[in-house]
Protein backbone atom coordinates (compact mmCIF):
# COMPACT_ATOMS: atom_id res chain seq x y z
CA UNK A 1 3.45 -102.41 37.31
CA UNK A 2 4.74 -103.76 40.60
CA UNK A 3 8.38 -103.25 39.64
CA UNK A 4 8.03 -99.77 41.12
CA UNK A 5 7.69 -101.34 44.57
CA UNK A 6 10.69 -101.09 46.77
CA UNK A 7 13.30 -102.03 46.97
CA UNK A 8 13.82 -103.77 49.04
CA UNK A 9 12.26 -102.51 49.68
CA UNK A 10 11.65 -102.87 49.11
CA UNK A 11 19.24 -103.42 43.24
CA UNK A 12 23.70 -102.61 43.36
CA UNK A 13 26.87 -100.75 43.40
CA UNK A 14 30.23 -102.05 44.50
CA UNK A 15 31.28 -100.20 47.62
CA UNK A 16 34.92 -99.76 46.78
CA UNK A 17 36.64 -96.49 46.15
CA UNK A 18 36.29 -93.08 47.75
CA UNK A 19 34.82 -89.83 46.52
CA UNK A 20 36.73 -86.72 45.57
CA UNK A 21 36.43 -83.43 47.41
CA UNK A 22 35.33 -85.25 50.54
CA UNK A 23 35.11 -82.12 52.64
CA UNK A 24 32.61 -80.61 50.21
CA UNK A 25 30.54 -83.73 49.61
CA UNK A 26 30.26 -85.12 53.13
CA UNK A 27 27.65 -83.65 55.48
CA UNK A 28 28.57 -82.35 58.90
CA UNK A 29 29.35 -85.29 61.20
CA UNK A 30 26.38 -84.39 63.40
CA UNK A 31 23.59 -85.81 61.20
CA UNK A 32 25.46 -88.98 60.27
CA UNK A 33 26.61 -89.63 63.83
CA UNK A 34 23.13 -89.05 65.27
CA UNK A 35 21.69 -91.45 62.72
CA UNK A 36 24.38 -94.05 63.40
CA UNK A 37 23.85 -93.86 67.15
CA UNK A 38 20.08 -94.12 66.75
CA UNK A 39 20.21 -97.39 64.78
CA UNK A 40 22.59 -99.05 67.24
CA UNK A 41 26.01 -97.56 66.61
CA UNK A 42 28.44 -97.55 63.72
CA UNK A 43 30.37 -100.47 65.21
CA UNK A 44 27.21 -102.61 65.29
CA UNK A 45 26.35 -101.76 61.68
CA UNK A 46 29.90 -102.65 60.62
CA UNK A 47 29.32 -106.26 61.74
CA UNK A 48 26.34 -106.69 59.39
CA UNK A 49 27.22 -108.24 56.03
CA UNK A 50 23.72 -109.06 54.83
CA UNK A 51 20.06 -108.67 55.75
CA UNK A 52 17.12 -110.89 54.84
CA UNK A 53 13.57 -109.58 55.30
CA UNK A 54 10.12 -110.81 54.42
CA UNK A 55 6.72 -109.26 54.89
CA UNK A 56 3.36 -108.38 53.43
CA UNK A 57 2.37 -105.87 50.74
CA UNK A 58 -0.91 -103.98 50.43
CA UNK A 59 -1.19 -102.58 46.91
CA UNK A 60 -4.29 -101.21 45.22
CA UNK A 61 -6.61 -103.13 47.53
CA UNK A 62 -4.71 -106.38 46.97
CA UNK A 63 -2.46 -108.23 49.38
CA UNK A 64 0.75 -110.05 48.70
CA UNK A 65 4.19 -110.98 49.99
CA UNK A 66 7.73 -109.70 49.62
CA UNK A 67 11.11 -111.31 50.29
CA UNK A 68 14.33 -109.34 49.96
CA UNK A 69 18.03 -109.99 50.50
CA UNK A 70 20.56 -107.13 50.70
CA UNK A 71 24.31 -107.20 51.23
CA UNK A 72 26.46 -104.47 52.69
CA UNK A 73 28.38 -104.19 49.41
CA UNK A 74 25.23 -103.44 47.44
CA UNK A 75 23.90 -106.70 46.01
CA UNK A 76 20.24 -107.57 46.33
CA UNK A 77 17.40 -109.87 45.38
CA UNK A 78 13.70 -109.00 45.67
CA UNK A 79 10.79 -111.38 45.19
CA UNK A 80 7.21 -110.07 45.11
CA UNK A 81 3.88 -111.80 44.73
CA UNK A 82 0.60 -109.87 44.67
CA UNK A 83 -2.60 -111.58 43.48
CA UNK A 84 -1.70 -113.16 40.10
CA UNK A 85 1.39 -111.00 39.64
CA UNK A 86 4.93 -112.08 40.58
CA UNK A 87 8.39 -110.68 39.95
CA UNK A 88 12.02 -111.38 40.77
CA UNK A 89 14.60 -108.62 40.61
CA UNK A 90 18.34 -109.08 41.19
CA UNK A 91 21.44 -106.92 41.22
CA UNK A 92 24.94 -108.36 41.56
CA UNK A 93 26.82 -105.09 41.87
CA UNK A 94 27.11 -104.60 38.12
CA UNK A 95 24.19 -106.25 36.33
CA UNK A 96 20.48 -106.05 37.11
CA UNK A 97 17.90 -108.59 35.98
CA UNK A 98 14.10 -108.60 36.12
CA UNK A 99 11.67 -111.46 35.60
CA UNK A 100 7.92 -110.84 35.65
CA UNK A 101 5.61 -113.83 35.91
CA UNK A 102 6.46 -116.60 33.45
CA UNK A 103 8.19 -114.26 31.02
CA UNK A 104 11.92 -114.79 30.47
CA UNK A 105 14.24 -112.57 32.54
CA UNK A 106 15.71 -109.50 30.89
CA UNK A 107 18.66 -107.27 31.66
CA UNK A 108 17.77 -103.90 33.12
CA UNK A 109 19.31 -100.96 31.27
CA UNK A 110 19.00 -97.19 31.14
CA UNK A 111 16.64 -95.74 33.73
CA UNK A 112 15.84 -99.21 35.06
CA UNK A 113 19.51 -99.84 35.81
CA UNK A 114 19.87 -96.43 37.47
CA UNK A 115 16.99 -97.30 39.77
CA UNK A 116 18.55 -100.66 40.54
CA UNK A 117 21.84 -99.06 41.55
CA UNK A 118 20.01 -96.81 43.98
CA UNK A 119 17.62 -99.48 45.27
CA UNK A 120 20.63 -101.25 46.74
CA UNK A 121 20.72 -98.49 49.36
CA UNK A 122 17.02 -97.91 49.95
CA UNK A 123 15.39 -97.91 53.38
CA UNK A 124 17.48 -99.59 56.10
CA UNK A 125 20.21 -100.42 53.61
CA UNK A 126 21.03 -96.72 53.25
CA UNK A 127 23.24 -97.11 56.34
CA UNK A 128 25.76 -99.11 54.33
CA UNK A 129 26.22 -96.20 51.94
CA UNK A 130 25.96 -93.33 54.42
CA UNK A 131 28.11 -94.55 57.32
CA UNK A 132 31.24 -95.80 55.58
CA UNK A 133 32.83 -93.23 53.22
CA UNK A 134 35.91 -95.40 52.76
CA UNK A 135 33.74 -98.06 51.07
CA UNK A 136 31.35 -95.74 49.27
CA UNK A 137 31.21 -95.10 45.54
CA UNK A 138 29.37 -91.82 45.32
CA UNK A 139 28.81 -88.91 47.68
CA UNK A 140 26.70 -87.79 50.61
CA UNK A 141 25.66 -84.15 50.87
CA UNK A 142 23.79 -82.12 53.47
CA UNK A 143 20.53 -80.22 52.98
CA UNK A 144 20.17 -78.86 56.49
CA UNK A 145 20.51 -80.34 59.96
CA UNK A 146 18.22 -83.32 59.35
CA UNK A 147 18.31 -83.98 55.58
CA UNK A 148 21.02 -85.85 53.70
CA UNK A 149 21.30 -86.64 50.00
CA UNK A 150 22.83 -89.97 49.00
CA UNK A 151 24.29 -89.86 45.48
CA UNK A 152 25.42 -93.30 44.30
CA UNK A 153 27.43 -93.18 41.08
CA UNK A 154 25.28 -94.00 38.08
CA UNK A 155 22.15 -94.10 40.23
CA UNK A 156 19.33 -91.90 41.46
CA UNK A 157 19.66 -89.52 44.40
CA UNK A 158 17.99 -90.45 47.68
CA UNK A 159 16.91 -87.58 49.95
CA UNK A 160 16.87 -88.87 53.54
CA UNK A 161 15.10 -86.81 56.20
CA UNK A 162 15.80 -87.73 59.83
CA UNK A 163 13.19 -87.38 62.54
CA UNK A 164 14.55 -84.56 64.75
CA UNK A 165 13.33 -86.38 67.87
CA UNK A 166 14.67 -89.89 67.18
CA UNK A 167 17.40 -89.19 64.56
CA UNK A 168 16.03 -92.17 62.59
CA UNK A 169 15.02 -91.80 58.93
CA UNK A 170 11.49 -90.46 58.69
CA UNK A 171 11.20 -90.19 54.90
CA UNK A 172 13.24 -91.07 51.85
CA UNK A 173 12.38 -89.55 48.47
CA UNK A 174 13.66 -89.95 44.92
CA UNK A 175 12.61 -89.13 41.38
CA UNK A 176 11.27 -91.95 39.24
CA UNK A 177 10.60 -90.78 35.71
CA UNK A 178 8.45 -87.66 36.25
CA UNK A 179 7.14 -88.71 39.65
CA UNK A 180 8.46 -88.04 43.13
CA UNK A 181 8.39 -91.27 45.12
CA UNK A 182 8.08 -90.78 48.88
CA UNK A 183 8.79 -93.56 51.35
CA UNK A 184 7.63 -92.97 54.92
CA UNK A 185 9.43 -95.12 57.48
CA UNK A 186 7.84 -95.86 60.82
CA UNK A 187 7.23 -98.27 63.67
CA UNK A 188 10.87 -99.27 64.15
CA UNK A 189 11.94 -102.55 65.76
CA UNK A 190 15.23 -103.75 67.24
CA UNK A 191 16.79 -106.96 65.93
CA UNK A 192 19.98 -108.12 67.66
CA UNK A 193 20.84 -104.57 68.68
CA UNK A 194 20.13 -103.04 65.26
CA UNK A 195 17.10 -100.83 64.68
CA UNK A 196 15.13 -101.23 61.43
CA UNK A 197 11.83 -99.88 60.17
CA UNK A 198 8.98 -102.35 60.55
CA UNK A 199 6.52 -100.57 58.28
CA UNK A 200 6.92 -98.63 55.02
CA UNK A 201 4.34 -96.44 53.28
CA UNK A 202 5.24 -95.72 49.66
CA UNK A 203 3.46 -93.09 47.58
CA UNK A 204 3.95 -91.80 44.05
CA UNK A 205 1.32 -89.06 43.88
CA UNK A 206 -1.06 -91.53 42.21
CA UNK A 207 -3.10 -93.52 44.77
CA UNK A 208 -3.31 -96.46 42.37
CA UNK A 209 0.38 -97.14 42.91
CA UNK A 210 0.64 -96.51 46.65
CA UNK A 211 1.82 -99.42 48.74
CA UNK A 212 2.25 -100.42 52.38
CA UNK A 213 4.88 -102.96 53.34
CA UNK A 214 4.93 -104.54 56.80
CA UNK A 215 7.94 -106.66 57.63
CA UNK A 216 7.25 -109.80 59.63
CA UNK A 217 10.68 -111.44 59.69
CA UNK A 218 14.26 -110.14 59.73
CA UNK A 219 17.49 -112.14 59.77
CA UNK A 220 20.88 -110.45 60.11
CA UNK A 221 23.89 -112.07 58.44
CA UNK A 222 22.07 -115.00 56.82
CA UNK A 223 24.05 -117.51 54.80
CA UNK A 224 24.02 -116.24 51.21
CA UNK A 225 25.47 -117.64 47.99
CA UNK A 226 26.35 -115.26 45.13
CA UNK A 227 24.08 -117.26 42.82
CA UNK A 228 21.16 -115.68 44.67
CA UNK A 229 21.88 -112.39 42.87
CA UNK A 230 21.32 -113.74 39.37
CA UNK A 231 18.30 -115.17 37.56
CA UNK A 232 18.86 -118.32 35.61
CA UNK A 233 17.30 -118.36 32.13
């Protein structure tokens, strides 16, 4: 049930390779450059190799915690605990694993794996996909002056709408099965010269599965071992 929460937020693609027909697939520089400047500048983002965040989750009247690690090349680990439920989700750039409660971990395949590939670039982590076409595997397209579509290969499209006043992401949407998932980003904070959302409201069209995530701690470039992105049996 809670596996639909972020992604960290709330999983990953290698960021090597370039896309074909770049002139057709890349949006006008204006939207990307405004976004890059708003979060602290492309040069500042380029110095970030990994992000660790932790916070609280409100879900269906219950409260819990979330911890998430993301790397610039698309790996991630997400740990959630809400009431009696817990889950660990990892993505190492190729393989995604999910463990729920005391059940043994299982490999994510099909639609689950597609979601994992896109979750690597959800929320703040979208900057790693959008700003660096030379490292990207996939495309970015424009849907107007303030809306971009991130299309990671083998993943799910993210539609990113920038706030016309701040040039920061205001919403991110994607399709999950037959539902449209909308993530509203707000209340930004600055950490070491880099601007990140502090609060996320996630809705699916069904109030039972809506969630609010409030981040309480952020660490840029934490020490990370690759073993973090796997779940031991």
